[in-house]
């Protein structure tokens, strides 16, 4: 029974990860009013509710996780 539960949880976790994408880039603009981040590549992402940014500056390098097929950023990590 425990193996079945562990297997099910593992499969659900992997399925969720399959629907997420990641992009790394340099920030050219961040607008807190619209919650939009624009990268040097021209890609733009909207922060979903609950994602907080502290210390984000233009020129900073970030790793953005987003929902595949959208521009909804589910997390933003500031890179060193």
Protein backbone atom coordinates (compact mmCIF):
# COMPACT_ATOMS: atom_id res chain seq x y z
CA UNK A 1 0.00 0.00 0.00
CA UNK A 2 2.79 2.43 0.91
CA UNK A 3 4.56 1.76 -2.42
CA UNK A 4 1.37 2.64 -4.28
CA UNK A 5 1.06 5.95 -2.43
CA UNK A 6 4.72 6.85 -2.98
CA UNK A 7 4.48 5.97 -6.68
CA UNK A 8 1.31 8.02 -7.12
CA UNK A 9 2.80 11.06 -5.40
CA UNK A 10 5.97 10.77 -7.50
CA UNK A 11 4.01 10.58 -10.75
CA UNK A 12 1.86 13.58 -9.83
CA UNK A 13 4.97 15.60 -8.96
CA UNK A 14 6.61 14.76 -12.28
CA UNK A 15 3.41 15.56 -14.20
CA UNK A 16 3.29 19.01 -12.59
CA UNK A 17 6.91 19.65 -13.49
CA UNK A 18 6.20 18.76 -17.12
CA UNK A 19 3.99 21.81 -17.42
CA UNK A 20 6.59 24.32 -16.24
CA UNK A 21 9.36 26.04 -18.12
CA UNK A 22 12.44 27.94 -17.01
CA UNK A 23 14.35 30.78 -18.55
CA UNK A 24 17.47 32.56 -17.38
CA UNK A 25 18.20 36.10 -18.44
CA UNK A 26 19.14 39.66 -17.63
CA UNK A 27 16.39 42.07 -16.55
CA UNK A 28 15.99 45.21 -18.64
CA UNK A 29 12.80 46.43 -16.98
CA UNK A 30 10.52 45.63 -14.05
CA UNK A 31 7.20 47.45 -13.58
CA UNK A 32 5.77 46.85 -10.09
CA UNK A 33 2.41 48.36 -11.08
CA UNK A 34 1.80 45.78 -13.82
CA UNK A 35 4.07 43.12 -12.22
CA UNK A 36 5.87 42.65 -15.56
CA UNK A 37 9.52 41.65 -15.99
CA UNK A 38 11.20 42.17 -19.37
CA UNK A 39 14.45 40.37 -20.20
CA UNK A 40 17.21 41.40 -22.62
CA UNK A 41 15.96 38.67 -24.96
CA UNK A 42 12.68 40.59 -25.29
CA UNK A 43 10.71 37.99 -23.36
CA UNK A 44 8.21 39.43 -20.88
CA UNK A 45 6.65 37.67 -17.90
CA UNK A 46 3.83 38.63 -15.53
CA UNK A 47 4.28 37.70 -11.88
CA UNK A 48 1.40 35.65 -10.52
CA UNK A 49 -0.13 36.60 -7.18
CA UNK A 50 2.08 35.59 -4.28
CA UNK A 51 5.43 35.96 -6.08
CA UNK A 52 7.50 38.56 -4.25
CA UNK A 53 10.60 40.31 -5.55
CA UNK A 54 13.08 41.91 -3.22
CA UNK A 55 16.18 43.53 -4.65
CA UNK A 56 15.36 43.08 -8.33
CA UNK A 57 17.27 45.65 -10.38
CA UNK A 58 17.62 46.24 -14.13
CA UNK A 59 20.82 44.53 -15.21
CA UNK A 60 20.36 41.74 -12.67
CA UNK A 61 20.39 38.11 -13.73
CA UNK A 62 17.30 36.02 -12.89
CA UNK A 63 15.93 32.51 -13.29
CA UNK A 64 12.19 32.60 -14.03
CA UNK A 65 9.94 29.56 -13.71
CA UNK A 66 6.72 29.91 -15.68
CA UNK A 67 3.66 27.92 -16.70
CA UNK A 68 4.25 26.38 -20.13
CA UNK A 69 2.23 28.05 -22.85
CA UNK A 70 1.87 31.26 -20.82
CA UNK A 71 3.96 34.16 -19.62
CA UNK A 72 2.84 33.69 -15.99
CA UNK A 73 5.96 33.65 -13.79
CA UNK A 74 5.38 31.32 -10.84
CA UNK A 75 8.80 32.04 -9.28
CA UNK A 76 11.75 34.35 -9.82
CA UNK A 77 15.19 33.66 -8.39
CA UNK A 78 17.79 36.41 -8.44
CA UNK A 79 21.12 34.91 -9.57
CA UNK A 80 24.53 36.01 -8.35
